[in-house]
């Protein structure tokens, strides 16, 4: 059997390495989520950074809620694929969407 050049083994190894999980920031400033829609993958972490002087939540009705204190941040690691609509329980007009790929 002919010997393979080392770069072929490297390419094969790179092809099977799982993608690195990311942390995606959503900024809250003056009652606005930015970005309002986030595309992410299962295993990624969403970090909400609250620049307002009052608390907010990221709430999915009947599922989960993340409390985001004033001038602080809070995060959640995504565990399931699919679209997720969330809102702030204190300010229901604040709405966001997570589009989570497997």
N, C-alpha and C. Protein backbone atom coordinates (compact mmCIF):
# COMPACT_ATOMS: atom_id res chain seq x y z
N UNK A 1 0.85 -1.19 0.00
CA UNK A 1 0.00 0.00 0.00
C UNK A 1 0.89 1.24 0.00
N UNK A 2 0.61 2.20 -0.90
CA UNK A 2 1.46 3.39 -0.96
C UNK A 2 1.25 4.27 0.27
N UNK A 3 2.31 4.92 0.65
CA UNK A 3 2.25 5.81 1.81
C UNK A 3 1.59 7.13 1.41
N UNK A 4 0.65 7.61 2.25
CA UNK A 4 -0.05 8.87 1.98
C UNK A 4 0.79 10.04 2.45
N UNK A 5 0.73 11.13 1.72
CA UNK A 5 1.39 12.35 2.21
C UNK A 5 0.73 12.79 3.53
N UNK A 6 1.47 13.41 4.45
CA UNK A 6 0.91 13.80 5.75
C UNK A 6 -0.28 14.75 5.65
N UNK A 7 -0.34 15.56 4.62
CA UNK A 7 -1.44 16.52 4.52
C UNK A 7 -2.78 15.83 4.30
N UNK A 8 -2.77 14.62 3.70
CA UNK A 8 -4.03 13.89 3.52
C UNK A 8 -4.58 13.45 4.88
N UNK A 9 -3.72 12.95 5.75
CA UNK A 9 -4.17 12.56 7.09
C UNK A 9 -4.71 13.77 7.84
N UNK A 10 -4.06 14.92 7.68
CA UNK A 10 -4.52 16.14 8.33
C UNK A 10 -5.90 16.53 7.81
N UNK A 11 -6.11 16.45 6.51
CA UNK A 11 -7.42 16.79 5.95
C UNK A 11 -8.50 15.85 6.47
N UNK A 12 -8.18 14.56 6.57
CA UNK A 12 -9.16 13.60 7.09
C UNK A 12 -9.50 13.89 8.54
N UNK A 13 -8.50 14.25 9.32
CA UNK A 13 -8.72 14.57 10.73
C UNK A 13 -9.58 15.83 10.87
N UNK A 14 -9.27 16.86 10.10
CA UNK A 14 -10.03 18.11 10.18
C UNK A 14 -11.48 17.87 9.81
N UNK A 15 -11.73 16.99 8.87
CA UNK A 15 -13.10 16.73 8.42
C UNK A 15 -13.99 16.11 9.49
N UNK A 16 -13.41 15.44 10.50
CA UNK A 16 -14.25 14.79 11.50
C UNK A 16 -14.29 15.53 12.83
N UNK A 17 -13.59 16.64 12.93
CA UNK A 17 -13.60 17.41 14.17
C UNK A 17 -14.92 18.17 14.26
N UNK A 18 -15.66 18.04 15.36
CA UNK A 18 -16.94 18.75 15.47
C UNK A 18 -16.72 20.26 15.53
N UNK A 19 -17.71 20.98 15.05
CA UNK A 19 -17.63 22.44 15.06
C UNK A 19 -17.58 22.93 16.51
N UNK A 20 -16.84 23.99 16.73
CA UNK A 20 -16.70 24.58 18.05
C UNK A 20 -17.98 25.33 18.42
N UNK A 21 -18.46 25.12 19.62
CA UNK A 21 -19.63 25.86 20.09
C UNK A 21 -19.27 27.33 20.22
N UNK A 22 -20.22 28.19 19.95
CA UNK A 22 -20.00 29.62 20.00
C UNK A 22 -20.82 30.26 21.11
N UNK A 23 -20.38 31.44 21.54
CA UNK A 23 -21.18 32.29 22.41
C UNK A 23 -21.64 33.47 21.56
N UNK A 24 -22.94 33.65 21.50
CA UNK A 24 -23.54 34.69 20.68
C UNK A 24 -24.16 35.72 21.60
N UNK A 25 -23.77 36.98 21.44
CA UNK A 25 -24.28 38.04 22.32
C UNK A 25 -25.50 38.72 21.72
N UNK A 26 -26.48 38.96 22.59
CA UNK A 26 -27.64 39.78 22.27
C UNK A 26 -27.60 40.93 23.25
N UNK A 27 -27.54 42.15 22.74
CA UNK A 27 -27.49 43.34 23.59
C UNK A 27 -28.90 43.87 23.82
N UNK A 28 -29.16 44.26 25.06
CA UNK A 28 -30.43 44.91 25.41
C UNK A 28 -30.09 46.34 25.80
N UNK A 29 -30.62 47.28 25.03
CA UNK A 29 -30.35 48.69 25.29
C UNK A 29 -31.59 49.50 24.94
N UNK A 30 -32.11 50.25 25.90
CA UNK A 30 -33.31 51.08 25.71
C UNK A 30 -34.49 50.24 25.23
N UNK A 31 -34.69 49.07 25.90
CA UNK A 31 -35.81 48.16 25.62
C UNK A 31 -35.76 47.53 24.23
N UNK A 32 -34.57 47.45 23.63
CA UNK A 32 -34.43 46.86 22.30
C UNK A 32 -33.43 45.72 22.35
N UNK A 33 -33.82 44.57 21.78
CA UNK A 33 -32.93 43.41 21.63
C UNK A 33 -32.17 43.55 20.32
N UNK A 34 -30.86 43.42 20.37
CA UNK A 34 -30.07 43.55 19.16
C UNK A 34 -28.98 42.48 19.11
N UNK A 35 -29.01 41.58 18.14
CA UNK A 35 -30.05 41.43 17.12
C UNK A 35 -31.30 40.78 17.68
N UNK A 36 -32.43 41.05 17.04
CA UNK A 36 -33.70 40.48 17.51
C UNK A 36 -33.82 39.01 17.10
N UNK A 37 -33.20 38.65 15.97
CA UNK A 37 -33.20 37.26 15.51
C UNK A 37 -31.76 36.77 15.47
N UNK A 38 -31.55 35.59 16.04
CA UNK A 38 -30.21 34.99 16.10
C UNK A 38 -30.26 33.61 15.48
N UNK A 39 -29.29 33.31 14.61
CA UNK A 39 -29.13 31.96 14.09
C UNK A 39 -28.01 31.30 14.87
N UNK A 40 -28.28 30.11 15.41
CA UNK A 40 -27.32 29.42 16.26
C UNK A 40 -27.43 27.93 16.04
N UNK A 41 -26.59 27.17 16.74
CA UNK A 41 -26.60 25.72 16.67
C UNK A 41 -26.78 25.14 18.08
N UNK A 42 -27.28 23.92 18.14
CA UNK A 42 -27.37 23.23 19.43
C UNK A 42 -25.96 23.20 20.02
N UNK A 43 -25.85 23.55 21.29
CA UNK A 43 -24.55 23.61 21.96
C UNK A 43 -23.99 25.02 22.06
N UNK A 44 -24.49 25.94 21.22
CA UNK A 44 -24.07 27.34 21.33
C UNK A 44 -24.69 27.95 22.58
N UNK A 45 -24.08 29.02 23.05
CA UNK A 45 -24.58 29.74 24.22
C UNK A 45 -25.04 31.13 23.78
N UNK A 46 -26.23 31.50 24.21
CA UNK A 46 -26.72 32.87 23.99
C UNK A 46 -26.43 33.64 25.26
N UNK A 47 -25.78 34.79 25.12
CA UNK A 47 -25.49 35.67 26.25
C UNK A 47 -26.21 36.99 26.02
N UNK A 48 -27.15 37.29 26.91
CA UNK A 48 -27.86 38.57 26.86
C UNK A 48 -27.09 39.57 27.72
N UNK A 49 -26.74 40.71 27.15
CA UNK A 49 -26.02 41.77 27.86
C UNK A 49 -27.00 42.92 28.05
N UNK A 50 -27.37 43.15 29.31
CA UNK A 50 -28.37 44.16 29.64
C UNK A 50 -27.69 45.48 29.97
N UNK A 51 -27.85 46.46 29.09
CA UNK A 51 -27.28 47.79 29.32
C UNK A 51 -28.28 48.74 29.98
N UNK A 52 -29.50 48.27 30.18
CA UNK A 52 -30.54 49.09 30.80
C UNK A 52 -30.36 49.12 32.32
N UNK A 53 -31.07 50.06 32.96
CA UNK A 53 -30.97 50.21 34.42
C UNK A 53 -32.04 49.40 35.15
N UNK A 54 -32.78 48.58 34.42
CA UNK A 54 -33.78 47.71 35.05
C UNK A 54 -33.66 46.31 34.47
N UNK A 55 -34.20 45.34 35.19
CA UNK A 55 -34.09 43.93 34.82
C UNK A 55 -34.97 43.59 33.61
N UNK A 56 -34.54 42.55 32.90
CA UNK A 56 -35.30 41.98 31.79
C UNK A 56 -35.28 40.46 31.95
N UNK A 57 -36.12 39.79 31.15
CA UNK A 57 -36.06 38.33 31.08
C UNK A 57 -36.01 37.93 29.61
N UNK A 58 -35.54 36.73 29.38
CA UNK A 58 -35.72 36.05 28.10
C UNK A 58 -36.61 34.86 28.46
N UNK A 59 -37.88 34.95 28.09
CA UNK A 59 -38.88 33.99 28.54
C UNK A 59 -39.51 33.28 27.34
N UNK A 60 -39.55 31.96 27.42
CA UNK A 60 -40.28 31.15 26.46
C UNK A 60 -41.47 30.59 27.22
N UNK A 61 -42.66 31.02 26.82
CA UNK A 61 -43.87 30.64 27.55
C UNK A 61 -43.98 29.13 27.69
N UNK A 62 -44.12 28.67 28.92
CA UNK A 62 -44.28 27.25 29.20
C UNK A 62 -42.98 26.44 29.12
N UNK A 63 -41.84 27.12 28.97
CA UNK A 63 -40.60 26.36 28.84
C UNK A 63 -39.52 26.92 29.76
N UNK A 64 -38.74 27.92 29.33
CA UNK A 64 -37.64 28.41 30.16
C UNK A 64 -37.68 29.92 30.29
N UNK A 65 -36.93 30.40 31.28
CA UNK A 65 -36.81 31.83 31.50
C UNK A 65 -35.41 32.12 32.04
N UNK A 66 -34.81 33.16 31.50
CA UNK A 66 -33.50 33.63 31.97
C UNK A 66 -33.70 35.03 32.51
N UNK A 67 -33.33 35.24 33.78
CA UNK A 67 -33.40 36.57 34.39
C UNK A 67 -32.10 37.31 34.06
N UNK A 68 -32.24 38.55 33.57
CA UNK A 68 -31.08 39.35 33.18
C UNK A 68 -31.08 40.62 34.03
N UNK A 69 -30.26 40.65 35.07
CA UNK A 69 -30.25 41.81 35.97
C UNK A 69 -29.80 43.09 35.27
N UNK A 70 -30.14 44.26 35.83
CA UNK A 70 -29.70 45.52 35.24
C UNK A 70 -28.17 45.63 35.22
N UNK A 71 -27.66 46.13 34.09
CA UNK A 71 -26.22 46.36 33.91
C UNK A 71 -25.39 45.09 34.06
N UNK A 72 -26.00 43.92 33.82
CA UNK A 72 -25.29 42.64 33.92
C UNK A 72 -25.64 41.79 32.71
N UNK A 73 -25.12 40.56 32.70
CA UNK A 73 -25.46 39.64 31.62
C UNK A 73 -25.89 38.30 32.20
N UNK A 74 -26.55 37.51 31.36
CA UNK A 74 -26.97 36.16 31.72
C UNK A 74 -26.95 35.33 30.45
N UNK A 75 -26.81 34.02 30.61
CA UNK A 75 -26.67 33.19 29.41
C UNK A 75 -27.44 31.88 29.52
N UNK A 76 -27.59 31.23 28.37
CA UNK A 76 -28.28 29.96 28.25
C UNK A 76 -27.63 29.17 27.13
N UNK A 77 -27.33 27.89 27.38
CA UNK A 77 -26.80 27.01 26.34
C UNK A 77 -27.96 26.30 25.67
N UNK A 78 -27.97 26.35 24.35
CA UNK A 78 -29.08 25.79 23.57
C UNK A 78 -28.97 24.27 23.50
N UNK A 79 -30.07 23.60 23.82
CA UNK A 79 -30.06 22.14 23.92
C UNK A 79 -30.89 21.44 22.84
N UNK A 80 -31.74 22.18 22.13
CA UNK A 80 -32.62 21.55 21.14
C UNK A 80 -32.71 22.41 19.89
N UNK A 81 -32.87 21.75 18.75
CA UNK A 81 -33.01 22.46 17.48
C UNK A 81 -34.45 22.94 17.29
N UNK A 82 -34.59 23.96 16.45
CA UNK A 82 -35.90 24.48 16.11
C UNK A 82 -35.98 25.97 16.39
N UNK A 83 -37.02 26.60 15.87
CA UNK A 83 -37.21 28.03 16.14
C UNK A 83 -37.76 28.24 17.55
N UNK A 84 -37.28 29.28 18.22
CA UNK A 84 -37.72 29.60 19.57
C UNK A 84 -38.04 31.10 19.62
N UNK A 85 -39.27 31.43 19.95
CA UNK A 85 -39.66 32.82 20.14
C UNK A 85 -39.66 33.11 21.63
N UNK A 86 -39.06 34.24 22.01
CA UNK A 86 -39.02 34.60 23.43
C UNK A 86 -39.36 36.07 23.59
N UNK A 87 -39.63 36.46 24.84
CA UNK A 87 -40.02 37.84 25.14
C UNK A 87 -39.55 38.19 26.54
N UNK A 88 -39.62 39.47 26.88
CA UNK A 88 -39.33 39.92 28.24
C UNK A 88 -40.65 39.93 29.02
N UNK A 89 -40.67 39.20 30.12
CA UNK A 89 -41.89 39.12 30.93
C UNK A 89 -42.30 40.48 31.48
N UNK A 90 -41.31 41.34 31.76
CA UNK A 90 -41.59 42.68 32.30
C UNK A 90 -41.99 43.67 31.20
N UNK A 91 -41.52 43.44 29.99
CA UNK A 91 -41.77 44.35 28.86
C UNK A 91 -42.16 43.49 27.65
N UNK A 92 -43.42 43.02 27.59
CA UNK A 92 -43.84 42.04 26.57
C UNK A 92 -43.66 42.49 25.13
N UNK A 93 -43.48 43.79 24.90
CA UNK A 93 -43.23 44.27 23.55
C UNK A 93 -41.80 43.95 23.09
N UNK A 94 -40.92 43.57 24.01
CA UNK A 94 -39.56 43.16 23.67
C UNK A 94 -39.59 41.69 23.25
N UNK A 95 -39.39 41.42 21.98
CA UNK A 95 -39.48 40.05 21.47
C UNK A 95 -38.23 39.70 20.69
N UNK A 96 -37.83 38.42 20.83
CA UNK A 96 -36.68 37.92 20.08
C UNK A 96 -36.97 36.55 19.53
N UNK A 97 -36.09 36.11 18.64
CA UNK A 97 -36.26 34.79 18.02
C UNK A 97 -34.89 34.13 17.90
N UNK A 98 -34.82 32.86 18.29
CA UNK A 98 -33.63 32.05 18.10
C UNK A 98 -33.96 30.98 17.07
N UNK A 99 -33.16 30.90 16.03
CA UNK A 99 -33.32 29.86 15.02
C UNK A 99 -32.16 28.90 15.24
N UNK A 100 -32.47 27.74 15.83
CA UNK A 100 -31.44 26.81 16.30
C UNK A 100 -31.35 25.61 15.36
N UNK A 101 -30.18 25.46 14.74
CA UNK A 101 -29.92 24.32 13.85
C UNK A 101 -29.31 23.18 14.67
N UNK A 102 -29.48 21.94 14.20
CA UNK A 102 -28.90 20.79 14.91
C UNK A 102 -27.38 20.85 14.94
